[in-house]
C-alpha atoms as a PDB file:
ATOM      1  CA  UNK A   1       3.866  13.778   7.531  1.00  0.00           C
ATOM      2  CA  UNK A   2       6.934  13.596   9.759  1.00  0.00           C
ATOM      3  CA  UNK A   3       8.014   9.995   9.251  1.00  0.00           C
ATOM      4  CA  UNK A   4       8.110   7.861   6.128  1.00  0.00           C
ATOM      5  CA  UNK A   5       9.659   4.802   4.534  1.00  0.00           C
ATOM      6  CA  UNK A   6      11.681   4.618   1.315  1.00  0.00           C
ATOM      7  CA  UNK A   7      11.900   1.269  -0.470  1.00  0.00           C
ATOM      8  CA  UNK A   8      14.640   1.111  -3.098  1.00  0.00           C
ATOM      9  CA  UNK A   9      13.345  -1.648  -5.350  1.00  0.00           C
ATOM     10  CA  UNK A  10      16.657  -1.776  -7.237  1.00  0.00           C
ATOM     11  CA  UNK A  11      18.390  -3.002  -4.064  1.00  0.00           C
ATOM     12  CA  UNK A  12      15.825  -5.624  -3.035  1.00  0.00           C
ATOM     13  CA  UNK A  13      17.147  -9.204  -3.188  1.00  0.00           C
ATOM     14  CA  UNK A  14      13.800 -10.841  -2.292  1.00  0.00           C
ATOM     15  CA  UNK A  15      15.285 -12.401   0.831  1.00  0.00           C
ATOM     16  CA  UNK A  16      11.854 -11.927   2.470  1.00  0.00           C
ATOM     17  CA  UNK A  17      13.464 -10.832   5.711  1.00  0.00           C
ATOM     18  CA  UNK A  18      10.849  -8.081   5.905  1.00  0.00           C
ATOM     19  CA  UNK A  19       8.056 -10.665   5.746  1.00  0.00           C
ATOM     20  CA  UNK A  20       9.564 -12.668   8.581  1.00  0.00           C
ATOM     21  CA  UNK A  21      10.239  -9.588  10.719  1.00  0.00           C
ATOM     22  CA  UNK A  22       6.674  -8.340  10.250  1.00  0.00           C
ATOM     23  CA  UNK A  23       5.242 -11.705  11.260  1.00  0.00           C
ATOM     24  CA  UNK A  24       7.532 -11.976  14.273  1.00  0.00           C
ATOM     25  CA  UNK A  25       7.051  -8.480  15.691  1.00  0.00           C
ATOM     26  CA  UNK A  26       3.279  -8.409  15.210  1.00  0.00           C
ATOM     27  CA  UNK A  27       2.878 -12.033  16.360  1.00  0.00           C
ATOM     28  CA  UNK A  28       1.002 -12.954  13.191  1.00  0.00           C
ATOM     29  CA  UNK A  29       0.389 -16.660  12.548  1.00  0.00           C
ATOM     30  CA  UNK A  30       1.836 -18.466   9.543  1.00  0.00           C
ATOM     31  CA  UNK A  31      -0.450 -19.338   6.642  1.00  0.00           C
ATOM     32  CA  UNK A  32      -0.864 -22.707   5.001  1.00  0.00           C
ATOM     33  CA  UNK A  33      -0.008 -22.206   1.327  1.00  0.00           C
ATOM     34  CA  UNK A  34       0.350 -24.288  -1.818  1.00  0.00           C
ATOM     35  CA  UNK A  35       2.960 -24.201  -4.571  1.00  0.00           C
ATOM     36  CA  UNK A  36       1.447 -22.414  -7.580  1.00  0.00           C
ATOM     37  CA  UNK A  37       4.477 -22.292  -9.881  1.00  0.00           C
ATOM     38  CA  UNK A  38       5.894 -19.087  -8.449  1.00  0.00           C
ATOM     39  CA  UNK A  39       8.486 -18.155  -5.843  1.00  0.00           C
ATOM     40  CA  UNK A  40       5.946 -15.814  -4.238  1.00  0.00           C
ATOM     41  CA  UNK A  41       4.664 -17.087  -0.938  1.00  0.00           C
ATOM     42  CA  UNK A  42       2.028 -16.254   0.082  1.00  0.00           C
ATOM     43  CA  UNK A  43       0.448 -15.049  -3.169  1.00  0.00           C
ATOM     44  CA  UNK A  44      -1.288 -12.027  -1.653  1.00  0.00           C
ATOM     45  CA  UNK A  45      -1.679  -9.948   1.478  1.00  0.00           C
ATOM     46  CA  UNK A  46      -4.184 -11.231   4.015  1.00  0.00           C
ATOM     47  CA  UNK A  47      -5.504 -10.441   7.503  1.00  0.00           C
ATOM     48  CA  UNK A  48      -2.408 -12.204   8.892  1.00  0.00           C
ATOM     49  CA  UNK A  49       0.154 -11.204   6.249  1.00  0.00           C
ATOM     50  CA  UNK A  50       0.735  -7.460   6.234  1.00  0.00           C
ATOM     51  CA  UNK A  51       3.784  -7.291   3.991  1.00  0.00           C
ATOM     52  CA  UNK A  52       5.060  -9.558   1.235  1.00  0.00           C
ATOM     53  CA  UNK A  53       7.592  -9.511  -1.591  1.00  0.00           C
ATOM     54  CA  UNK A  54       6.063  -9.582  -5.051  1.00  0.00           C
ATOM     55  CA  UNK A  55       8.007 -11.299  -7.856  1.00  0.00           C
ATOM     56  CA  UNK A  56       7.765  -9.936 -11.407  1.00  0.00           C
ATOM     57  CA  UNK A  57       9.346 -11.939 -14.216  1.00  0.00           C
ATOM     58  CA  UNK A  58      10.063 -10.109 -17.476  1.00  0.00           C
ATOM     59  CA  UNK A  59      12.117 -10.659 -20.622  1.00  0.00           C
ATOM     60  CA  UNK A  60      14.837  -8.206 -21.604  1.00  0.00           C
ATOM     61  CA  UNK A  61      17.105  -8.686 -24.628  1.00  0.00           C
ATOM     62  CA  UNK A  62      16.228 -12.367 -24.736  1.00  0.00           C
ATOM     63  CA  UNK A  63      17.043 -12.923 -21.064  1.00  0.00           C
ATOM     64  CA  UNK A  64      14.864 -13.333 -18.004  1.00  0.00           C
ATOM     65  CA  UNK A  65      14.908 -10.408 -15.601  1.00  0.00           C
ATOM     66  CA  UNK A  66      13.488 -10.503 -12.098  1.00  0.00           C
ATOM     67  CA  UNK A  67      11.946  -7.503 -10.377  1.00  0.00           C
ATOM     68  CA  UNK A  68      10.861  -7.473  -6.739  1.00  0.00           C
ATOM     69  CA  UNK A  69       8.429  -5.253  -4.861  1.00  0.00           C
ATOM     70  CA  UNK A  70       7.762  -5.131  -1.119  1.00  0.00           C
ATOM     71  CA  UNK A  71       4.001  -4.659  -0.885  1.00  0.00           C
ATOM     72  CA  UNK A  72       2.248  -3.198   2.177  1.00  0.00           C
ATOM     73  CA  UNK A  73       0.005  -0.333   3.198  1.00  0.00           C
ATOM     74  CA  UNK A  74       1.411   2.889   1.722  1.00  0.00           C
ATOM     75  CA  UNK A  75      -0.068   5.130   4.457  1.00  0.00           C
ATOM     76  CA  UNK A  76      -1.451   7.764   2.078  1.00  0.00           C
ATOM     77  CA  UNK A  77      -1.768  11.409   3.022  1.00  0.00           C
ATOM     78  CA  UNK A  78      -5.169  11.468   1.307  1.00  0.00           C
ATOM     79  CA  UNK A  79      -6.170   8.067   2.668  1.00  0.00           C
ATOM     80  CA  UNK A  80      -9.421   6.797   1.174  1.00  0.00           C
ATOM     81  CA  UNK A  81      -9.838   4.296   4.015  1.00  0.00           C
ATOM     82  CA  UNK A  82      -9.952   7.161   6.503  1.00  0.00           C
ATOM     83  CA  UNK A  83     -12.358   9.150   4.340  1.00  0.00           C
ATOM     84  CA  UNK A  84     -14.925   6.362   3.955  1.00  0.00           C
ATOM     85  CA  UNK A  85     -14.763   4.745   7.400  1.00  0.00           C
ATOM     86  CA  UNK A  86     -18.165   5.449   9.023  1.00  0.00           C
ATOM     87  CA  UNK A  87     -17.055   4.615  12.566  1.00  0.00           C
ATOM     88  CA  UNK A  88     -13.682   6.362  12.692  1.00  0.00           C
ATOM     89  CA  UNK A  89     -11.893   3.033  13.047  1.00  0.00           C
ATOM     90  CA  UNK A  90      -9.481   4.001  10.248  1.00  0.00           C
ATOM     91  CA  UNK A  91      -7.569   7.075  11.361  1.00  0.00           C
ATOM     92  CA  UNK A  92      -4.287   8.899  10.820  1.00  0.00           C
ATOM     93  CA  UNK A  93      -1.719   9.439  13.595  1.00  0.00           C
ATOM     94  CA  UNK A  94       0.528  12.473  14.043  1.00  0.00           C
ATOM     95  CA  UNK A  95       3.439  10.392  12.726  1.00  0.00           C
ATOM     96  CA  UNK A  96       1.536   9.767   9.483  1.00  0.00           C
ATOM     97  CA  UNK A  97       0.583   6.130  10.054  1.00  0.00           C
ATOM     98  CA  UNK A  98      -2.894   4.961   9.084  1.00  0.00           C
ATOM     99  CA  UNK A  99      -4.302   2.651  11.743  1.00  0.00           C
ATOM    100  CA  UNK A 100      -7.503   0.632  12.049  1.00  0.00           C
ATOM    101  CA  UNK A 101      -8.927   0.460  15.552  1.00  0.00           C
ATOM    102  CA  UNK A 102     -10.111  -3.125  15.916  1.00  0.00           C
ATOM    103  CA  UNK A 103     -12.621  -2.184  18.603  1.00  0.00           C
ATOM    104  CA  UNK A 104     -14.332   0.355  16.337  1.00  0.00           C
ATOM    105  CA  UNK A 105     -14.172  -1.657  13.099  1.00  0.00           C
ATOM    106  CA  UNK A 106     -17.592  -3.070  12.145  1.00  0.00           C
ATOM    107  CA  UNK A 107     -16.387  -5.031   9.119  1.00  0.00           C
ATOM    108  CA  UNK A 108     -18.315  -2.855   6.646  1.00  0.00           C
ATOM    109  CA  UNK A 109     -15.447  -3.273   4.127  1.00  0.00           C
ATOM    110  CA  UNK A 110     -15.752   0.261   2.720  1.00  0.00           C
ATOM    111  CA  UNK A 111     -11.954   0.592   3.031  1.00  0.00           C
ATOM    112  CA  UNK A 112     -11.455  -2.714   1.196  1.00  0.00           C
ATOM    113  CA  UNK A 113     -13.658  -1.547  -1.684  1.00  0.00           C
ATOM    114  CA  UNK A 114     -12.072   1.902  -2.027  1.00  0.00           C
ATOM    115  CA  UNK A 115      -8.322   1.498  -1.492  1.00  0.00           C
ATOM    116  CA  UNK A 116      -6.539   2.323  -4.799  1.00  0.00           C
ATOM    117  CA  UNK A 117      -3.810  -0.189  -3.879  1.00  0.00           C
ATOM    118  CA  UNK A 118      -6.149  -2.988  -2.664  1.00  0.00           C
ATOM    119  CA  UNK A 119      -4.344  -3.275   0.677  1.00  0.00           C
ATOM    120  CA  UNK A 120      -6.857  -3.741   3.549  1.00  0.00           C
ATOM    121  CA  UNK A 121      -7.978  -7.358   3.946  1.00  0.00           C
ATOM    122  CA  UNK A 122     -11.198  -8.573   5.539  1.00  0.00           C
ATOM    123  CA  UNK A 123     -11.269 -11.390   8.080  1.00  0.00           C
ATOM    124  CA  UNK A 124     -14.669 -13.107   7.928  1.00  0.00           C
ATOM    125  CA  UNK A 125     -14.107 -14.998  11.172  1.00  0.00           C
ATOM    126  CA  UNK A 126     -13.542 -11.813  13.177  1.00  0.00           C
ATOM    127  CA  UNK A 127     -15.600  -9.530  10.923  1.00  0.00           C
ATOM    128  CA  UNK A 128     -12.722  -7.045  11.008  1.00  0.00           C
ATOM    129  CA  UNK A 129     -10.264  -5.527   8.543  1.00  0.00           C
ATOM    130  CA  UNK A 130      -6.490  -5.720   8.973  1.00  0.00           C
ATOM    131  CA  UNK A 131      -3.386  -4.226   7.354  1.00  0.00           C
ATOM    132  CA  UNK A 132       0.129  -2.929   8.089  1.00  0.00           C
ATOM    133  CA  UNK A 133       0.231  -0.651  11.145  1.00  0.00           C
ATOM    134  CA  UNK A 134       3.586   0.935  10.206  1.00  0.00           C
ATOM    135  CA  UNK A 135       4.907  -0.638  13.428  1.00  0.00           C
ATOM    136  CA  UNK A 136       3.219   2.220  15.255  1.00  0.00           C
ATOM    137  CA  UNK A 137       4.074   0.735  18.648  1.00  0.00           C
ATOM    138  CA  UNK A 138       7.760   0.870  17.698  1.00  0.00           C
ATOM    139  CA  UNK A 139       7.741   4.224  15.887  1.00  0.00           C
ATOM    140  CA  UNK A 140       5.863   5.996  18.702  1.00  0.00           C
ATOM    141  CA  UNK A 141       8.679   4.895  21.005  1.00  0.00           C
ATOM    142  CA  UNK A 142      11.451   6.174  18.756  1.00  0.00           C
ATOM    143  CA  UNK A 143      12.224   2.804  17.152  1.00  0.00           C
ATOM    144  CA  UNK A 144      12.492   1.741  13.507  1.00  0.00           C
ATOM    145  CA  UNK A 145       9.790  -0.470  11.934  1.00  0.00           C
ATOM    146  CA  UNK A 146      10.755  -4.141  12.099  1.00  0.00           C
ATOM    147  CA  UNK A 147      10.925  -4.586   8.311  1.00  0.00           C
ATOM    148  CA  UNK A 148      13.304  -1.650   7.838  1.00  0.00           C
ATOM    149  CA  UNK A 149      15.460  -2.725  10.763  1.00  0.00           C
ATOM    150  CA  UNK A 150      16.002  -6.218   9.388  1.00  0.00           C
ATOM    151  CA  UNK A 151      16.540  -5.492   5.640  1.00  0.00           C
ATOM    152  CA  UNK A 152      20.057  -6.893   4.829  1.00  0.00           C
ATOM    153  CA  UNK A 153      20.801  -4.873   1.646  1.00  0.00           C
ATOM    154  CA  UNK A 154      19.363  -1.638   3.043  1.00  0.00           C
ATOM    155  CA  UNK A 155      16.557  -1.529   0.478  1.00  0.00           C
ATOM    156  CA  UNK A 156      14.107  -0.357   3.166  1.00  0.00           C
ATOM    157  CA  UNK A 157      14.895   2.885   4.949  1.00  0.00           C
ATOM    158  CA  UNK A 158      12.911   4.771   7.575  1.00  0.00           C
ATOM    159  CA  UNK A 159      13.233   8.367   8.722  1.00  0.00           C
ATOM    160  CA  UNK A 160      12.164  11.946   8.145  1.00  0.00           C
ATOM    161  CA  UNK A 161      10.103  12.177   4.964  1.00  0.00           C
ATOM    162  CA  UNK A 162      11.865  15.236   3.534  1.00  0.00           C
ATOM    163  CA  UNK A 163      15.238  13.533   3.865  1.00  0.00           C
ATOM    164  CA  UNK A 164      13.967  10.349   2.241  1.00  0.00           C
ATOM    165  CA  UNK A 165      12.489  12.300  -0.664  1.00  0.00           C
ATOM    166  CA  UNK A 166      15.914  13.853  -1.272  1.00  0.00           C
ATOM    167  CA  UNK A 167      17.596  10.434  -1.097  1.00  0.00           C
ATOM    168  CA  UNK A 168      15.001   8.992  -3.442  1.00  0.00           C
ATOM    169  CA  UNK A 169      15.514  11.721  -6.025  1.00  0.00           C
ATOM    170  CA  UNK A 170      19.270  11.216  -5.946  1.00  0.00           C
ATOM    171  CA  UNK A 171      18.865   7.473  -6.366  1.00  0.00           C
ATOM    172  CA  UNK A 172      16.522   7.936  -9.343  1.00  0.00           C
ATOM    173  CA  UNK A 173      19.042  10.242 -10.994  1.00  0.00           C
ATOM    174  CA  UNK A 174      21.750   7.612 -10.499  1.00  0.00           C
ATOM    175  CA  UNK A 175      19.570   4.872 -11.978  1.00  0.00           C
ATOM    176  CA  UNK A 176      18.739   6.981 -15.032  1.00  0.00           C
ATOM    177  CA  UNK A 177      22.421   7.693 -15.554  1.00  0.00           C
ATOM    178  CA  UNK A 178      23.093   3.948 -15.446  1.00  0.00           C
ATOM    179  CA  UNK A 179      20.654   2.830 -18.120  1.00  0.00           C
ATOM    180  CA  UNK A 180      17.233   3.001 -16.444  1.00  0.00           C
ATOM    181  CA  UNK A 181      15.413   5.824 -18.289  1.00  0.00           C
ATOM    182  CA  UNK A 182      12.047   4.928 -16.720  1.00  0.00           C
ATOM    183  CA  UNK A 183      13.289   5.189 -13.120  1.00  0.00           C
ATOM    184  CA  UNK A 184      10.877   7.081 -10.866  1.00  0.00           C
ATOM    185  CA  UNK A 185      10.324   8.092  -7.265  1.00  0.00           C
ATOM    186  CA  UNK A 186       6.814   6.783  -6.687  1.00  0.00           C
ATOM    187  CA  UNK A 187       4.849   8.289  -3.828  1.00  0.00           C
ATOM    188  CA  UNK A 188       6.448  11.710  -3.601  1.00  0.00           C
ATOM    189  CA  UNK A 189       3.269  13.439  -4.811  1.00  0.00           C
ATOM    190  CA  UNK A 190       0.772  10.637  -5.504  1.00  0.00           C
ATOM    191  CA  UNK A 191      -2.398  11.023  -3.406  1.00  0.00           C
ATOM    192  CA  UNK A 192      -0.938  14.027  -1.638  1.00  0.00           C
ATOM    193  CA  UNK A 193       2.260  12.115  -0.864  1.00  0.00           C
ATOM    194  CA  UNK A 194       2.622   8.564   0.418  1.00  0.00           C
ATOM    195  CA  UNK A 195       4.110   7.534   3.731  1.00  0.00           C
ATOM    196  CA  UNK A 196       5.790   4.639   1.934  1.00  0.00           C
ATOM    197  CA  UNK A 197       7.648   5.629  -1.246  1.00  0.00           C
ATOM    198  CA  UNK A 198       9.338   3.510  -3.890  1.00  0.00           C
ATOM    199  CA  UNK A 199      12.448   4.007  -6.006  1.00  0.00           C
ATOM    200  CA  UNK A 200      11.332   2.166  -9.153  1.00  0.00           C
ATOM    201  CA  UNK A 201      13.809   1.259 -11.929  1.00  0.00           C
ATOM    202  CA  UNK A 202      10.893   0.535 -14.309  1.00  0.00           C
ATOM    203  CA  UNK A 203       7.429   1.973 -14.980  1.00  0.00           C
ATOM    204  CA  UNK A 204       4.980   1.765 -12.097  1.00  0.00           C
ATOM    205  CA  UNK A 205       2.537  -0.346 -14.118  1.00  0.00           C
ATOM    206  CA  UNK A 206       5.124  -3.125 -14.486  1.00  0.00           C
ATOM    207  CA  UNK A 207       5.048  -3.543 -10.707  1.00  0.00           C
ATOM    208  CA  UNK A 208       1.253  -3.551 -10.630  1.00  0.00           C
ATOM    209  CA  UNK A 209       1.077  -0.041  -9.154  1.00  0.00           C
ATOM    210  CA  UNK A 210      -1.499   2.394 -10.568  1.00  0.00           C
ATOM    211  CA  UNK A 211       0.254   4.964 -12.747  1.00  0.00           C
ATOM    212  CA  UNK A 212      -1.822   7.802 -11.317  1.00  0.00           C
ATOM    213  CA  UNK A 213      -3.686   6.603  -8.195  1.00  0.00           C
ATOM    214  CA  UNK A 214      -6.823   8.618  -7.589  1.00  0.00           C
ATOM    215  CA  UNK A 215      -9.386   9.014  -4.864  1.00  0.00           C
ATOM    216  CA  UNK A 216     -12.493   7.325  -6.349  1.00  0.00           C
ATOM    217  CA  UNK A 217     -15.426   9.607  -7.164  1.00  0.00           C
ATOM    218  CA  UNK A 218     -17.537   7.564  -4.766  1.00  0.00           C
ATOM    219  CA  UNK A 219     -15.223   8.564  -1.907  1.00  0.00           C
ATOM    220  CA  UNK A 220     -15.586  12.259  -2.723  1.00  0.00           C
ATOM    221  CA  UNK A 221     -19.373  11.900  -2.786  1.00  0.00           C
ATOM    222  CA  UNK A 222     -19.337   9.996   0.500  1.00  0.00           C
ATOM    223  CA  UNK A 223     -16.998  12.408   2.310  1.00  0.00           C
ATOM    224  CA  UNK A 224     -18.538  15.667   1.074  1.00  0.00           C
ATOM    225  CA  UNK A 225     -22.212  14.769   0.673  1.00  0.00           C
ATOM    226  CA  UNK A 226     -23.465  11.467   2.086  1.00  0.00           C
ATOM    227  CA  UNK A 227     -21.384  11.190   5.265  1.00  0.00           C
ATOM    228  CA  UNK A 228     -22.462  14.617   6.643  1.00  0.00           C
ATOM    229  CA  UNK A 229     -26.074  13.637   6.002  1.00  0.00           C
ATOM    230  CA  UNK A 230     -25.656  10.274   7.738  1.00  0.00           C
ATOM    231  CA  UNK A 231     -27.400  11.240  10.998  1.00  0.00           C
ATOM    232  CA  UNK A 232     -30.363  12.523   8.970  1.00  0.00           C
ATOM    233  CA  UNK A 233     -30.528   9.906   6.248  1.00  0.00           C
ATOM    234  CA  UNK A 234     -30.386   6.469   7.820  1.00  0.00           C
ATOM    235  CA  UNK A 235     -29.831   4.845   4.431  1.00  0.00           C
ATOM    236  CA  UNK A 236     -26.816   6.972   3.517  1.00  0.00           C
ATOM    237  CA  UNK A 237     -24.312   4.288   4.453  1.00  0.00           C
ATOM    238  CA  UNK A 238     -26.057   1.686   2.327  1.00  0.00           C
ATOM    239  CA  UNK A 239     -26.285   4.093  -0.601  1.00  0.00           C
ATOM    240  CA  UNK A 240     -22.606   4.971  -0.275  1.00  0.00           C
ATOM    241  CA  UNK A 241     -21.572   1.328  -0.274  1.00  0.00           C
ATOM    242  CA  UNK A 242     -23.632   0.542  -3.389  1.00  0.00           C
ATOM    243  CA  UNK A 243     -22.343   3.634  -5.183  1.00  0.00           C
ATOM    244  CA  UNK A 244     -18.778   2.795  -4.186  1.00  0.00           C
ATOM    245  CA  UNK A 245     -19.078  -0.717  -5.604  1.00  0.00           C
ATOM    246  CA  UNK A 246     -20.492   0.412  -8.945  1.00  0.00           C
ATOM    247  CA  UNK A 247     -18.141   3.335  -9.493  1.00  0.00           C
ATOM    248  CA  UNK A 248     -15.041   1.417  -8.487  1.00  0.00           C
ATOM    249  CA  UNK A 249     -15.780  -1.271 -11.060  1.00  0.00           C
ATOM    250  CA  UNK A 250     -15.517   1.423 -13.708  1.00  0.00           C
ATOM    251  CA  UNK A 251     -12.440   2.930 -12.048  1.00  0.00           C
ATOM    252  CA  UNK A 252     -10.543  -0.369 -11.996  1.00  0.00           C
ATOM    253  CA  UNK A 253     -11.564  -1.251 -15.535  1.00  0.00           C
ATOM    254  CA  UNK A 254     -10.279   2.145 -16.619  1.00  0.00           C
ATOM    255  CA  UNK A 255      -6.938   1.465 -14.927  1.00  0.00           C
ATOM    256  CA  UNK A 256      -6.670  -1.908 -16.667  1.00  0.00           C
ATOM    257  CA  UNK A 257      -7.437  -0.368 -20.053  1.00  0.00           C
ATOM    258  CA  UNK A 258      -4.869   2.358 -19.450  1.00  0.00           C
ATOM    259  CA  UNK A 259      -2.192  -0.146 -18.513  1.00  0.00           C
ATOM    260  CA  UNK A 260      -3.019  -2.283 -21.513  1.00  0.00           C
ATOM    261  CA  UNK A 261      -2.607   0.705 -23.805  1.00  0.00           C
ATOM    262  CA  UNK A 262       0.676   1.637 -22.129  1.00  0.00           C
ATOM    263  CA  UNK A 263       2.122  -1.784 -22.796  1.00  0.00           C
END
């Protein structure tokens, strides 16, 4: 993976400049939202919102502490969406970006069901799936992704992955030395290495990130067994989808139980 993004959560001010830049560059329409008692807006990713800032409120020494997390596709090296896509719509570029070809997407939602980070979003009107494209049209022309270019405090950085890993490690060391013992560079090794990494001052679970993201068993079965037999077994796709749904229920419940025990 040549290119990557490093998001230093400790520097994020929740200005939402990245949200605006993403909408503007990709010409994504605004969404009609309602106030739900939180500063988050919108409350989740959608087919027309590819990045958003998540607000986490926590108590520390009797005082309220705010944590922020820029959420988007993490462009995994071992991308489950690519593994399960039956049409090849989800694919990896040489730069490391995971793209979904709208023309090839059939709306099967296998990627939605299997993503460990719950990123791809299905649009019922178009019967297609959408997510962050890592500003591939900019990156392929030597430009910086819009969100990284616009970030005022420099919390979002883009460049060569090896260099960003080094910067991330140094930043984690500095945070630990300044009273953040749980600081971690998230994404350096998870799922073979993520294209979008986080410098986290707190445990990953506090931000809603899986502590140890895994490729679901259903994906392994699909990639190694069912998918190769697809041309022979016409019902393989249906079987894979059903198996994916059942196994992922157990996977997600296991994650929730693990996080509950950690707390």
